[in-house]
Amino acid sequence: MNEDDLWKNKCEEVWNAPAPGIQDPCDVPMEAYDPLIHTVSEKAACNRMLFWSKTKDIVHQFTDAKKCLLTLEDTLLGFVMDGLTWCSKKGSNESFTTGCPGWLDCEKNPVRSFWNRASTAFAESACGNVTVMLNGSLDTPFNPNSIFASIEVKKFSSPKMRALNVVLVTRRNDTTNCENSSLQTLRGILDPNLTYSCKEVQRSRILDCISDPDRPCGDCW
């Protein structure tokens, strides 16, 4: 079986997996996706897992180019569902891709609940040394309302996971650094048995690294 056939079979596995039944589009709990998550489980990528918050574009440029780290969106389920919109509606047994509630319209909309559930599973599988890219252009790079803060960090635990390495992506005139109070909050709520580190890295350095196919990942920050 060639690689294209393998990916085709994997994508069909996602589409054929159990999905939530017909529900109010603003009342789809995370647990509705349990069967899907359990059906399309993958082996954890120890020492290669990359989390992010408000850095999606540069994170995915990096993983697309370097292949040394893996985000949720680089897993089979995340790859297939990324960028999609869907919902059901009362009185219909169809699925819709238009007229669905937006991310902030209601807490339990189908897309938001899916990503919350998938993020939970991804974080629960975190093992070895884990990396997160946070946005150093923000006053609060570790935002308590983000999925990373509200869901993922709470699932990190030793001894399966050993360390959390923060890459704070900065621009030339940014004043936020690794001493930022929100990052100190992050450090304080981590499992005390986990090693914590933080490094400020210029966005331009990461982009230069992405553009050089011969440059190893370790030189990117």
N, C-alpha and C. Protein backbone atom coordinates (compact mmCIF):
# COMPACT_ATOMS: atom_id res chain seq x y z
N MET A 1 0.86 -1.20 0.00
CA MET A 1 0.00 0.00 0.00
C MET A 1 0.89 1.25 0.00
N ASN A 2 0.66 2.16 -0.97
CA ASN A 2 1.48 3.37 -1.00
C ASN A 2 0.97 4.39 0.01
N GLU A 3 1.72 5.48 0.16
CA GLU A 3 1.39 6.48 1.19
C GLU A 3 0.05 7.14 0.93
N ASP A 4 -0.28 7.41 -0.35
CA ASP A 4 -1.56 8.04 -0.68
C ASP A 4 -2.73 7.15 -0.28
N ASP A 5 -2.61 5.84 -0.54
CA ASP A 5 -3.68 4.91 -0.15
C ASP A 5 -3.81 4.83 1.36
N LEU A 6 -2.67 4.89 2.04
CA LEU A 6 -2.69 4.83 3.50
C LEU A 6 -3.44 6.02 4.08
N TRP A 7 -3.15 7.22 3.56
CA TRP A 7 -3.84 8.41 4.05
C TRP A 7 -5.31 8.38 3.68
N LYS A 8 -5.65 7.85 2.51
CA LYS A 8 -7.05 7.74 2.12
C LYS A 8 -7.80 6.85 3.09
N ASN A 9 -7.19 5.73 3.45
CA ASN A 9 -7.83 4.81 4.39
C ASN A 9 -7.99 5.45 5.76
N LYS A 10 -6.98 6.22 6.17
CA LYS A 10 -7.04 6.87 7.48
C LYS A 10 -8.13 7.93 7.51
N CYS A 11 -8.25 8.70 6.42
CA CYS A 11 -9.28 9.73 6.36
C CYS A 11 -10.68 9.11 6.37
N GLU A 12 -10.83 7.98 5.66
CA GLU A 12 -12.11 7.28 5.67
C GLU A 12 -12.43 6.77 7.07
N GLU A 13 -11.39 6.42 7.82
CA GLU A 13 -11.59 5.97 9.20
C GLU A 13 -12.18 7.08 10.05
N VAL A 14 -11.70 8.30 9.83
CA VAL A 14 -12.25 9.45 10.56
C VAL A 14 -13.70 9.68 10.21
N TRP A 15 -14.00 9.70 8.90
CA TRP A 15 -15.37 10.00 8.48
C TRP A 15 -16.35 8.91 8.88
N ASN A 16 -15.88 7.68 9.00
CA ASN A 16 -16.77 6.57 9.36
C ASN A 16 -16.85 6.35 10.86
N ALA A 17 -16.08 7.11 11.62
CA ALA A 17 -16.11 6.95 13.08
C ALA A 17 -17.42 7.50 13.63
N PRO A 18 -17.82 7.02 14.84
CA PRO A 18 -19.06 7.50 15.44
C PRO A 18 -19.02 9.01 15.66
N ALA A 19 -20.11 9.67 15.36
CA ALA A 19 -20.21 11.12 15.54
C ALA A 19 -21.40 11.43 16.43
N PRO A 20 -21.43 12.65 17.03
CA PRO A 20 -22.56 13.01 17.88
C PRO A 20 -23.88 12.93 17.15
N GLY A 21 -24.92 12.54 17.85
CA GLY A 21 -26.24 12.48 17.27
C GLY A 21 -26.83 13.86 17.07
N ILE A 22 -28.02 13.91 16.53
CA ILE A 22 -28.68 15.18 16.26
C ILE A 22 -28.94 15.90 17.58
N GLN A 23 -28.44 17.13 17.69
CA GLN A 23 -28.56 17.88 18.92
C GLN A 23 -28.73 19.35 18.63
N ASP A 24 -29.16 20.08 19.65
CA ASP A 24 -29.18 21.53 19.60
C ASP A 24 -27.76 22.01 19.30
N PRO A 25 -27.55 22.86 18.29
CA PRO A 25 -26.19 23.27 17.92
C PRO A 25 -25.47 24.09 18.99
N CYS A 26 -26.17 24.46 20.05
CA CYS A 26 -25.50 25.15 21.15
C CYS A 26 -25.50 24.30 22.41
N ASP A 27 -25.74 23.01 22.25
CA ASP A 27 -25.76 22.12 23.41
C ASP A 27 -25.09 20.78 23.08
N VAL A 28 -23.87 20.87 22.54
CA VAL A 28 -23.09 19.68 22.21
C VAL A 28 -21.93 19.59 23.21
N PRO A 29 -22.00 18.72 24.19
CA PRO A 29 -20.94 18.64 25.20
C PRO A 29 -19.69 18.00 24.62
N MET A 30 -18.56 18.25 25.25
CA MET A 30 -17.30 17.63 24.83
C MET A 30 -17.42 16.11 24.76
N GLU A 31 -18.14 15.54 25.72
CA GLU A 31 -18.24 14.09 25.83
C GLU A 31 -18.92 13.45 24.61
N ALA A 32 -19.65 14.26 23.84
CA ALA A 32 -20.30 13.72 22.65
C ALA A 32 -19.28 13.20 21.64
N TYR A 33 -18.04 13.68 21.74
CA TYR A 33 -17.00 13.25 20.81
C TYR A 33 -16.14 12.11 21.34
N ASP A 34 -16.47 11.58 22.51
CA ASP A 34 -15.68 10.48 23.07
C ASP A 34 -15.54 9.31 22.11
N PRO A 35 -16.64 8.83 21.48
CA PRO A 35 -16.49 7.69 20.56
C PRO A 35 -15.54 7.98 19.40
N LEU A 36 -15.61 9.19 18.86
CA LEU A 36 -14.73 9.57 17.76
C LEU A 36 -13.27 9.58 18.22
N ILE A 37 -13.01 10.19 19.37
CA ILE A 37 -11.64 10.27 19.89
C ILE A 37 -11.08 8.88 20.15
N HIS A 38 -11.89 8.01 20.70
CA HIS A 38 -11.41 6.67 21.03
C HIS A 38 -11.20 5.82 19.77
N THR A 39 -11.99 6.07 18.74
CA THR A 39 -11.86 5.30 17.51
C THR A 39 -10.61 5.69 16.73
N VAL A 40 -10.30 6.98 16.73
CA VAL A 40 -9.18 7.49 15.92
C VAL A 40 -8.02 7.90 16.83
N SER A 41 -7.65 7.02 17.72
CA SER A 41 -6.53 7.32 18.61
C SER A 41 -5.21 7.03 17.91
N GLU A 42 -4.17 7.76 18.30
CA GLU A 42 -2.85 7.58 17.72
C GLU A 42 -1.81 7.43 18.82
N LYS A 43 -0.70 6.83 18.47
CA LYS A 43 0.39 6.66 19.42
C LYS A 43 0.99 8.02 19.76
N ALA A 44 1.24 8.26 21.03
CA ALA A 44 1.79 9.54 21.46
C ALA A 44 3.18 9.76 20.87
N ALA A 45 3.45 10.99 20.48
CA ALA A 45 4.76 11.35 19.90
C ALA A 45 5.65 11.92 20.99
N CYS A 46 6.17 11.07 21.83
CA CYS A 46 6.96 11.53 22.98
C CYS A 46 8.16 12.37 22.52
N ASN A 47 8.39 13.47 23.24
CA ASN A 47 9.48 14.42 22.98
C ASN A 47 9.30 15.23 21.70
N ARG A 48 8.15 15.08 21.04
CA ARG A 48 7.93 15.79 19.77
C ARG A 48 6.65 16.64 19.79
N MET A 49 5.96 16.69 20.92
CA MET A 49 4.66 17.35 20.94
C MET A 49 4.81 18.86 21.13
N LEU A 50 4.10 19.59 20.27
CA LEU A 50 4.16 21.05 20.28
C LEU A 50 2.76 21.62 20.49
N PHE A 51 2.61 22.40 21.53
CA PHE A 51 1.35 23.10 21.82
C PHE A 51 1.53 24.57 21.45
N TRP A 52 0.44 25.30 21.36
CA TRP A 52 0.54 26.70 20.96
C TRP A 52 -0.65 27.49 21.47
N SER A 53 -0.47 28.80 21.53
CA SER A 53 -1.56 29.72 21.85
C SER A 53 -1.27 31.05 21.19
N LYS A 54 -2.16 31.47 20.30
CA LYS A 54 -2.02 32.72 19.54
C LYS A 54 -0.75 32.74 18.70
N THR A 55 -0.29 31.58 18.27
CA THR A 55 0.89 31.50 17.40
C THR A 55 0.64 30.49 16.27
N LYS A 56 -0.61 30.27 15.92
CA LYS A 56 -0.96 29.18 15.01
C LYS A 56 -0.21 29.26 13.68
N ASP A 57 -0.13 30.44 13.07
CA ASP A 57 0.47 30.55 11.75
C ASP A 57 1.93 30.13 11.76
N ILE A 58 2.72 30.69 12.67
CA ILE A 58 4.15 30.37 12.67
C ILE A 58 4.40 28.94 13.15
N VAL A 59 3.57 28.46 14.06
CA VAL A 59 3.70 27.08 14.52
C VAL A 59 3.53 26.11 13.37
N HIS A 60 2.53 26.33 12.54
CA HIS A 60 2.28 25.39 11.45
C HIS A 60 3.23 25.59 10.27
N GLN A 61 3.73 26.80 10.09
CA GLN A 61 4.83 26.96 9.14
C GLN A 61 6.02 26.13 9.58
N PHE A 62 6.27 26.15 10.87
CA PHE A 62 7.42 25.41 11.42
C PHE A 62 7.24 23.90 11.27
N THR A 63 6.09 23.38 11.68
CA THR A 63 5.90 21.93 11.61
C THR A 63 5.80 21.43 10.17
N ASP A 64 5.26 22.26 9.28
CA ASP A 64 5.20 21.88 7.87
C ASP A 64 6.59 21.75 7.27
N ALA A 65 7.48 22.64 7.71
CA ALA A 65 8.82 22.67 7.11
C ALA A 65 9.78 21.70 7.78
N LYS A 66 9.69 21.54 9.09
CA LYS A 66 10.73 20.82 9.82
C LYS A 66 10.37 19.39 10.20
N LYS A 67 9.11 19.10 10.45
CA LYS A 67 8.66 17.74 10.75
C LYS A 67 9.23 17.15 12.04
N CYS A 68 9.93 17.95 12.83
CA CYS A 68 10.53 17.42 14.05
C CYS A 68 9.59 17.50 15.24
N LEU A 69 8.60 18.38 15.16
CA LEU A 69 7.61 18.51 16.22
C LEU A 69 6.21 18.33 15.62
N LEU A 70 5.26 18.02 16.48
CA LEU A 70 3.92 17.64 16.03
C LEU A 70 2.87 18.37 16.86
N THR A 71 1.97 19.10 16.19
CA THR A 71 0.84 19.73 16.87
C THR A 71 -0.40 18.86 16.76
N LEU A 72 -1.44 19.25 17.47
CA LEU A 72 -2.71 18.54 17.37
C LEU A 72 -3.20 18.53 15.93
N GLU A 73 -3.01 19.64 15.22
CA GLU A 73 -3.49 19.75 13.84
C GLU A 73 -2.67 18.89 12.88
N ASP A 74 -1.53 18.39 13.32
CA ASP A 74 -0.71 17.51 12.50
C ASP A 74 -1.06 16.04 12.71
N THR A 75 -1.90 15.75 13.69
CA THR A 75 -2.38 14.38 13.86
C THR A 75 -3.46 14.11 12.83
N LEU A 76 -3.81 12.85 12.66
CA LEU A 76 -4.83 12.49 11.66
C LEU A 76 -6.14 13.23 11.90
N LEU A 77 -6.65 13.14 13.11
CA LEU A 77 -7.95 13.74 13.40
C LEU A 77 -7.89 15.25 13.30
N GLY A 78 -6.84 15.86 13.84
CA GLY A 78 -6.71 17.31 13.76
C GLY A 78 -6.54 17.80 12.34
N PHE A 79 -5.79 17.06 11.53
CA PHE A 79 -5.56 17.44 10.14
C PHE A 79 -6.86 17.43 9.35
N VAL A 80 -7.67 16.39 9.54
CA VAL A 80 -8.92 16.26 8.79
C VAL A 80 -9.93 17.33 9.20
N MET A 81 -9.99 17.67 10.48
CA MET A 81 -11.03 18.56 10.98
C MET A 81 -10.64 20.04 10.98
N ASP A 82 -9.36 20.33 10.84
CA ASP A 82 -8.89 21.72 10.93
C ASP A 82 -9.54 22.59 9.86
N GLY A 83 -10.12 23.70 10.28
CA GLY A 83 -10.73 24.65 9.37
C GLY A 83 -12.16 24.34 8.97
N LEU A 84 -12.70 23.21 9.44
CA LEU A 84 -14.06 22.84 9.06
C LEU A 84 -15.09 23.44 10.02
N THR A 85 -16.28 23.64 9.52
CA THR A 85 -17.42 24.08 10.32
C THR A 85 -18.56 23.11 10.09
N TRP A 86 -19.25 22.73 11.15
CA TRP A 86 -20.37 21.80 11.02
C TRP A 86 -21.32 21.98 12.19
N CYS A 87 -22.56 21.55 12.01
CA CYS A 87 -23.53 21.54 13.10
C CYS A 87 -24.77 20.77 12.65
N SER A 88 -25.58 20.43 13.61
CA SER A 88 -26.91 19.89 13.34
C SER A 88 -27.92 20.96 13.74
N LYS A 89 -29.18 20.74 13.38
CA LYS A 89 -30.21 21.70 13.73
C LYS A 89 -31.46 20.96 14.17
N LYS A 90 -32.13 21.55 15.12
CA LYS A 90 -33.36 20.92 15.63
C LYS A 90 -34.35 20.73 14.49
N GLY A 91 -34.99 19.56 14.48
CA GLY A 91 -36.00 19.27 13.48
C GLY A 91 -35.44 18.76 12.17
N SER A 92 -34.12 18.53 12.12
CA SER A 92 -33.51 18.01 10.90
C SER A 92 -32.53 16.91 11.25
N ASN A 93 -32.42 15.90 10.38
CA ASN A 93 -31.43 14.85 10.59
C ASN A 93 -30.21 15.03 9.69
N GLU A 94 -30.06 16.23 9.14
CA GLU A 94 -28.92 16.54 8.28
C GLU A 94 -27.81 17.22 9.07
N SER A 95 -26.62 17.22 8.48
CA SER A 95 -25.51 18.00 9.00
C SER A 95 -25.33 19.22 8.11
N PHE A 96 -24.98 20.34 8.72
CA PHE A 96 -24.86 21.60 7.99
C PHE A 96 -23.45 22.17 8.14
N THR A 97 -23.03 22.91 7.13
CA THR A 97 -21.74 23.60 7.20
C THR A 97 -21.91 25.11 7.12
N THR A 98 -23.14 25.57 7.01
CA THR A 98 -23.43 27.00 7.03
C THR A 98 -24.54 27.26 8.05
N GLY A 99 -24.62 28.50 8.52
CA GLY A 99 -25.64 28.84 9.50
C GLY A 99 -25.38 28.25 10.86
N CYS A 100 -24.15 27.83 11.11
CA CYS A 100 -23.79 27.23 12.40
C CYS A 100 -23.30 28.31 13.36
N PRO A 101 -23.44 28.10 14.66
CA PRO A 101 -22.95 29.09 15.62
C PRO A 101 -21.44 29.24 15.53
N GLY A 102 -20.97 30.47 15.69
CA GLY A 102 -19.54 30.74 15.69
C GLY A 102 -18.90 30.32 17.01
N TRP A 103 -17.58 30.39 17.06
CA TRP A 103 -16.82 29.95 18.23
C TRP A 103 -17.30 30.60 19.51
N LEU A 104 -17.59 31.89 19.46
CA LEU A 104 -17.96 32.65 20.66
C LEU A 104 -19.47 32.79 20.84
N ASP A 105 -20.25 32.26 19.91
CA ASP A 105 -21.70 32.44 19.99
C ASP A 105 -22.31 31.66 21.15
N CYS A 106 -21.76 30.48 21.41
CA CYS A 106 -22.21 29.69 22.56
C CYS A 106 -21.10 28.72 22.92
N GLU A 107 -21.01 28.40 24.20
CA GLU A 107 -19.87 27.62 24.69
C GLU A 107 -19.85 26.20 24.17
N LYS A 108 -21.03 25.60 24.00
CA LYS A 108 -21.09 24.19 23.61
C LYS A 108 -21.49 24.01 22.15
N ASN A 109 -20.94 24.85 21.28
CA ASN A 109 -21.21 24.63 19.86
C ASN A 109 -20.36 23.46 19.37
N PRO A 110 -20.75 22.80 18.28
CA PRO A 110 -20.09 21.55 17.86
C PRO A 110 -18.60 21.67 17.61
N VAL A 111 -18.17 22.75 16.96
CA VAL A 111 -16.75 22.90 16.62
C VAL A 111 -15.92 23.15 17.88
N ARG A 112 -16.40 24.04 18.73
CA ARG A 112 -15.66 24.36 19.96
C ARG A 112 -15.56 23.14 20.86
N SER A 113 -16.65 22.40 20.99
CA SER A 113 -16.64 21.21 21.84
C SER A 113 -15.70 20.15 21.27
N PHE A 114 -15.66 20.02 19.94
CA PHE A 114 -14.74 19.06 19.34
C PHE A 114 -13.30 19.40 19.68
N TRP A 115 -12.90 20.67 19.46
CA TRP A 115 -11.51 21.03 19.70
C TRP A 115 -11.15 20.98 21.17
N ASN A 116 -12.11 21.28 22.04
CA ASN A 116 -11.85 21.13 23.47
C ASN A 116 -11.59 19.66 23.82
N ARG A 117 -12.39 18.77 23.23
CA ARG A 117 -12.22 17.34 23.52
C ARG A 117 -10.93 16.80 22.90
N ALA A 118 -10.65 17.19 21.67
CA ALA A 118 -9.43 16.73 21.01
C ALA A 118 -8.19 17.27 21.72
N SER A 119 -8.26 18.50 22.19
CA SER A 119 -7.14 19.09 22.93
C SER A 119 -6.91 18.37 24.25
N THR A 120 -8.00 17.97 24.89
CA THR A 120 -7.89 17.21 26.13
C THR A 120 -7.14 15.91 25.88
N ALA A 121 -7.53 15.20 24.85
CA ALA A 121 -6.89 13.92 24.54
C ALA A 121 -5.42 14.10 24.17
N PHE A 122 -5.12 15.14 23.40
CA PHE A 122 -3.74 15.39 22.99
C PHE A 122 -2.87 15.70 24.20
N ALA A 123 -3.39 16.53 25.11
CA ALA A 123 -2.62 16.89 26.30
C ALA A 123 -2.47 15.72 27.26
N GLU A 124 -3.49 14.89 27.35
CA GLU A 124 -3.40 13.71 28.21
C GLU A 124 -2.32 12.74 27.74
N SER A 125 -2.01 12.77 26.45
CA SER A 125 -1.00 11.87 25.91
C SER A 125 0.41 12.46 25.96
N ALA A 126 0.54 13.71 26.44
CA ALA A 126 1.84 14.38 26.44
C ALA A 126 2.87 13.57 27.23
N CYS A 127 4.03 13.38 26.62
CA CYS A 127 5.06 12.57 27.27
C CYS A 127 6.44 13.08 26.90
N GLY A 128 7.38 12.87 27.79
CA GLY A 128 8.74 13.33 27.56
C GLY A 128 8.85 14.84 27.68
N ASN A 129 9.69 15.43 26.86
CA ASN A 129 9.87 16.88 26.85
C ASN A 129 8.87 17.50 25.88
N VAL A 130 8.06 18.42 26.36
CA VAL A 130 6.97 19.03 25.60
C VAL A 130 7.29 20.51 25.38
N THR A 131 6.95 21.01 24.20
CA THR A 131 7.22 22.41 23.85
C THR A 131 5.90 23.14 23.62
N VAL A 132 5.87 24.43 23.99
CA VAL A 132 4.73 25.28 23.66
C VAL A 132 5.26 26.59 23.11
N MET A 133 4.66 27.07 22.02
CA MET A 133 4.98 28.39 21.49
C MET A 133 3.90 29.37 21.93
N LEU A 134 4.31 30.41 22.63
CA LEU A 134 3.39 31.45 23.08
C LEU A 134 3.77 32.77 22.43
N ASN A 135 2.82 33.69 22.41
CA ASN A 135 2.96 34.94 21.67
C ASN A 135 3.52 36.04 22.57
N GLY A 136 4.78 36.41 22.33
CA GLY A 136 5.43 37.44 23.12
C GLY A 136 5.03 38.85 22.74
N SER A 137 4.16 39.00 21.76
CA SER A 137 3.65 40.33 21.40
C SER A 137 2.43 40.71 22.23
N LEU A 138 1.96 39.76 23.03
CA LEU A 138 0.79 39.99 23.89
C LEU A 138 1.23 40.32 25.31
N ASP A 139 0.43 41.13 25.99
CA ASP A 139 0.73 41.43 27.40
C ASP A 139 0.55 40.20 28.28
N THR A 140 -0.36 39.29 27.85
CA THR A 140 -0.64 38.08 28.61
C THR A 140 -0.47 36.87 27.70
N PRO A 141 0.76 36.41 27.49
CA PRO A 141 0.96 35.28 26.58
C PRO A 141 0.32 33.98 27.08
N PHE A 142 0.24 33.82 28.40
CA PHE A 142 -0.47 32.67 28.96
C PHE A 142 -1.84 33.16 29.41
N ASN A 143 -2.79 33.13 28.48
CA ASN A 143 -4.12 33.67 28.71
C ASN A 143 -4.99 32.61 29.39
N PRO A 144 -5.58 32.91 30.55
CA PRO A 144 -6.37 31.91 31.26
C PRO A 144 -7.59 31.42 30.49
N ASN A 145 -8.03 32.19 29.48
CA ASN A 145 -9.20 31.79 28.69
C ASN A 145 -8.85 30.94 27.47
N SER A 146 -7.57 30.75 27.21
CA SER A 146 -7.16 29.97 26.04
C SER A 146 -7.35 28.47 26.29
N ILE A 147 -7.41 27.70 25.23
CA ILE A 147 -7.49 26.24 25.37
C ILE A 147 -6.24 25.71 26.05
N PHE A 148 -5.09 26.30 25.73
CA PHE A 148 -3.85 25.84 26.36
C PHE A 148 -3.92 25.97 27.88
N ALA A 149 -4.41 27.13 28.36
CA ALA A 149 -4.47 27.37 29.81
C ALA A 149 -5.63 26.65 30.48
N SER A 150 -6.80 26.70 29.85
CA SER A 150 -8.01 26.19 30.52
C SER A 150 -8.15 24.68 30.42
N ILE A 151 -7.50 24.06 29.44
CA ILE A 151 -7.66 22.62 29.23
C ILE A 151 -6.33 21.87 29.24
N GLU A 152 -5.42 22.26 28.35
CA GLU A 152 -4.24 21.42 28.10
C GLU A 152 -3.28 21.37 29.28
N VAL A 153 -2.92 22.52 29.82
CA VAL A 153 -1.96 22.54 30.94
C VAL A 153 -2.45 21.69 32.10
N LYS A 154 -3.74 21.68 32.32
CA LYS A 154 -4.31 20.93 33.45
C LYS A 154 -4.15 19.42 33.28
N LYS A 155 -3.87 18.97 32.07
CA LYS A 155 -3.72 17.54 31.80
C LYS A 155 -2.26 17.08 31.80
N PHE A 156 -1.32 18.02 31.89
CA PHE A 156 0.09 17.66 31.92
C PHE A 156 0.44 17.03 33.27
N SER A 157 1.09 15.89 33.25
CA SER A 157 1.44 15.26 34.53
C SER A 157 2.67 14.38 34.39
N SER A 158 3.45 14.34 35.47
CA SER A 158 4.60 13.44 35.53
C SER A 158 4.10 12.11 36.10
N PRO A 159 4.85 11.02 35.94
CA PRO A 159 6.20 10.96 35.33
C PRO A 159 6.17 10.78 33.82
N LYS A 160 4.99 10.60 33.24
CA LYS A 160 4.93 10.40 31.78
C LYS A 160 5.53 11.59 31.05
N MET A 161 5.20 12.77 31.50
CA MET A 161 5.79 13.98 30.95
C MET A 161 6.89 14.45 31.87
N ARG A 162 8.01 14.93 31.30
CA ARG A 162 9.15 15.33 32.12
C ARG A 162 9.33 16.84 32.20
N ALA A 163 9.07 17.55 31.09
CA ALA A 163 9.40 18.98 31.07
C ALA A 163 8.48 19.74 30.13
N LEU A 164 8.26 21.01 30.45
CA LEU A 164 7.56 21.93 29.56
C LEU A 164 8.53 23.04 29.19
N ASN A 165 8.80 23.17 27.90
CA ASN A 165 9.72 24.19 27.40
C ASN A 165 8.91 25.26 26.65
N VAL A 166 8.90 26.47 27.19
CA VAL A 166 8.16 27.57 26.59
C VAL A 166 9.06 28.31 25.60
N VAL A 167 8.60 28.43 24.36
CA VAL A 167 9.26 29.28 23.36
C VAL A 167 8.39 30.52 23.23
N LEU A 168 8.88 31.63 23.74
CA LEU A 168 8.13 32.88 23.69
C LEU A 168 8.53 33.62 22.41
N VAL A 169 7.63 33.62 21.44
CA VAL A 169 7.92 34.18 20.11
C VAL A 169 7.75 35.70 20.18
N THR A 170 8.85 36.43 19.96
CA THR A 170 8.83 37.88 20.12
C THR A 170 9.18 38.59 18.82
N ARG A 171 8.83 39.87 18.79
CA ARG A 171 9.26 40.76 17.71
C ARG A 171 10.19 41.81 18.30
N ARG A 172 10.83 42.57 17.43
CA ARG A 172 11.93 43.44 17.86
C ARG A 172 11.54 44.39 18.99
N ASN A 173 10.36 45.00 18.93
CA ASN A 173 10.00 46.02 19.91
C ASN A 173 9.12 45.50 21.05
N ASP A 174 8.94 44.19 21.14
CA ASP A 174 8.12 43.63 22.21
C ASP A 174 8.78 43.84 23.56
N THR A 175 7.95 44.09 24.57
CA THR A 175 8.48 44.25 25.93
C THR A 175 8.18 43.04 26.81
N THR A 176 7.31 42.16 26.36
CA THR A 176 6.99 40.95 27.13
C THR A 176 8.19 40.00 27.09
N ASN A 177 8.52 39.43 28.25
CA ASN A 177 9.62 38.48 28.31
C ASN A 177 9.25 37.31 29.23
N CYS A 178 10.21 36.47 29.49
CA CYS A 178 9.93 35.26 30.27
C CYS A 178 9.63 35.53 31.73
N GLU A 179 9.83 36.76 32.16
CA GLU A 179 9.48 37.13 33.53
C GLU A 179 8.04 37.62 33.64
N ASN A 180 7.32 37.62 32.56
CA ASN A 180 5.93 38.07 32.53
C ASN A 180 5.11 37.36 33.61
N SER A 181 4.22 38.10 34.24
CA SER A 181 3.45 37.54 35.37
C SER A 181 2.58 36.36 34.96
N SER A 182 2.06 36.37 33.73
CA SER A 182 1.22 35.25 33.30
C SER A 182 2.05 33.98 33.15
N LEU A 183 3.32 34.13 32.74
CA LEU A 183 4.19 32.96 32.62
C LEU A 183 4.59 32.44 34.00
N GLN A 184 4.68 33.34 34.95
CA GLN A 184 4.93 32.90 36.32
C GLN A 184 3.72 32.13 36.86
N THR A 185 2.53 32.55 36.43
CA THR A 185 1.32 31.81 36.79
C THR A 185 1.36 30.41 36.18
N LEU A 186 1.75 30.34 34.92
CA LEU A 186 1.88 29.04 34.26
C LEU A 186 2.85 28.15 35.04
N ARG A 187 3.97 28.67 35.38
CA ARG A 187 4.97 27.88 36.13
C ARG A 187 4.41 27.41 37.46
N GLY A 188 3.62 28.28 38.09
CA GLY A 188 3.09 27.94 39.41
C GLY A 188 2.02 26.87 39.40
N ILE A 189 1.28 26.74 38.30
CA ILE A 189 0.19 25.75 38.29
C ILE A 189 0.61 24.42 37.68
N LEU A 190 1.82 24.36 37.13
CA LEU A 190 2.30 23.10 36.58
C LEU A 190 2.50 22.06 37.67
N ASP A 191 2.39 20.81 37.31
CA ASP A 191 2.80 19.72 38.18
C ASP A 191 4.20 20.04 38.68
N PRO A 192 4.40 20.10 40.01
CA PRO A 192 5.72 20.50 40.55
C PRO A 192 6.85 19.55 40.17
N ASN A 193 6.52 18.36 39.71
CA ASN A 193 7.55 17.41 39.31
C ASN A 193 8.01 17.61 37.87
N LEU A 194 7.40 18.56 37.16
CA LEU A 194 7.80 18.85 35.80
C LEU A 194 8.87 19.95 35.78
N THR A 195 9.85 19.79 34.94
CA THR A 195 10.85 20.83 34.73
C THR A 195 10.27 21.90 33.81
N TYR A 196 10.50 23.16 34.17
CA TYR A 196 9.98 24.29 33.38
C TYR A 196 11.15 25.11 32.86
N SER A 197 11.04 25.52 31.60
CA SER A 197 12.03 26.46 31.05
C SER A 197 11.31 27.42 30.11
N CYS A 198 11.90 28.57 29.91
CA CYS A 198 11.33 29.57 29.00
C CYS A 198 12.46 30.26 28.26
N LYS A 199 12.28 30.47 26.96
CA LYS A 199 13.28 31.14 26.14
C LYS A 199 12.60 32.12 25.21
N GLU A 200 13.10 33.34 25.19
CA GLU A 200 12.59 34.36 24.27
C GLU A 200 13.29 34.20 22.92
N VAL A 201 12.50 34.06 21.87
CA VAL A 201 13.06 33.82 20.54
C VAL A 201 12.43 34.78 19.54
N GLN A 202 13.27 35.49 18.81
CA GLN A 202 12.76 36.41 17.80
C GLN A 202 12.03 35.64 16.69
N ARG A 203 10.88 36.15 16.31
CA ARG A 203 10.10 35.54 15.23
C ARG A 203 10.94 35.41 13.96
N SER A 204 11.76 36.42 13.69
CA SER A 204 12.59 36.42 12.49
C SER A 204 13.58 35.25 12.50
N ARG A 205 14.06 34.87 13.66
CA ARG A 205 14.99 33.74 13.76
C ARG A 205 14.28 32.43 13.38
N ILE A 206 13.06 32.29 13.86
CA ILE A 206 12.30 31.07 13.54
C ILE A 206 12.00 31.02 12.05
N LEU A 207 11.62 32.16 11.47
CA LEU A 207 11.32 32.20 10.04
C LEU A 207 12.56 31.91 9.20
N ASP A 208 13.72 32.42 9.62
CA ASP A 208 14.96 32.11 8.92
C ASP A 208 15.25 30.61 8.97
N CYS A 209 14.99 30.02 10.11
CA CYS A 209 15.22 28.59 10.29
C CYS A 209 14.28 27.78 9.42
N ILE A 210 13.02 28.22 9.34
CA ILE A 210 12.03 27.53 8.51
C ILE A 210 12.47 27.55 7.04
N SER A 211 13.04 28.65 6.61
CA SER A 211 13.40 28.81 5.20
C SER A 211 14.66 28.05 4.81
N ASP A 212 15.40 27.54 5.78
CA ASP A 212 16.66 26.83 5.50
C ASP A 212 16.46 25.34 5.76
N PRO A 213 16.26 24.54 4.71
CA PRO A 213 15.97 23.11 4.90
C PRO A 213 17.11 22.33 5.54
N ASP A 214 18.33 22.88 5.50
CA ASP A 214 19.47 22.17 6.07
C ASP A 214 19.72 22.52 7.53
N ARG A 215 18.97 23.44 8.04
CA ARG A 215 19.19 23.90 9.41
C ARG A 215 18.43 23.00 10.38
N PRO A 216 19.10 22.39 11.35
CA PRO A 216 18.41 21.47 12.27
C PRO A 216 17.46 22.22 13.20
N CYS A 217 16.48 21.50 13.69
CA CYS A 217 15.45 22.12 14.55
C CYS A 217 16.06 22.77 15.79
N GLY A 218 17.09 22.15 16.30
CA GLY A 218 17.69 22.67 17.53
C GLY A 218 18.27 24.05 17.39
N ASP A 219 18.52 24.50 16.15
CA ASP A 219 19.06 25.84 15.93
C ASP A 219 17.98 26.90 15.77
N CYS A 220 16.71 26.48 15.82
CA CYS A 220 15.63 27.45 15.57
C CYS A 220 15.33 28.30 16.79
N TRP A 221 15.77 27.82 17.97
CA TRP A 221 15.63 28.65 19.19
C TRP A 221 16.62 28.21 20.25
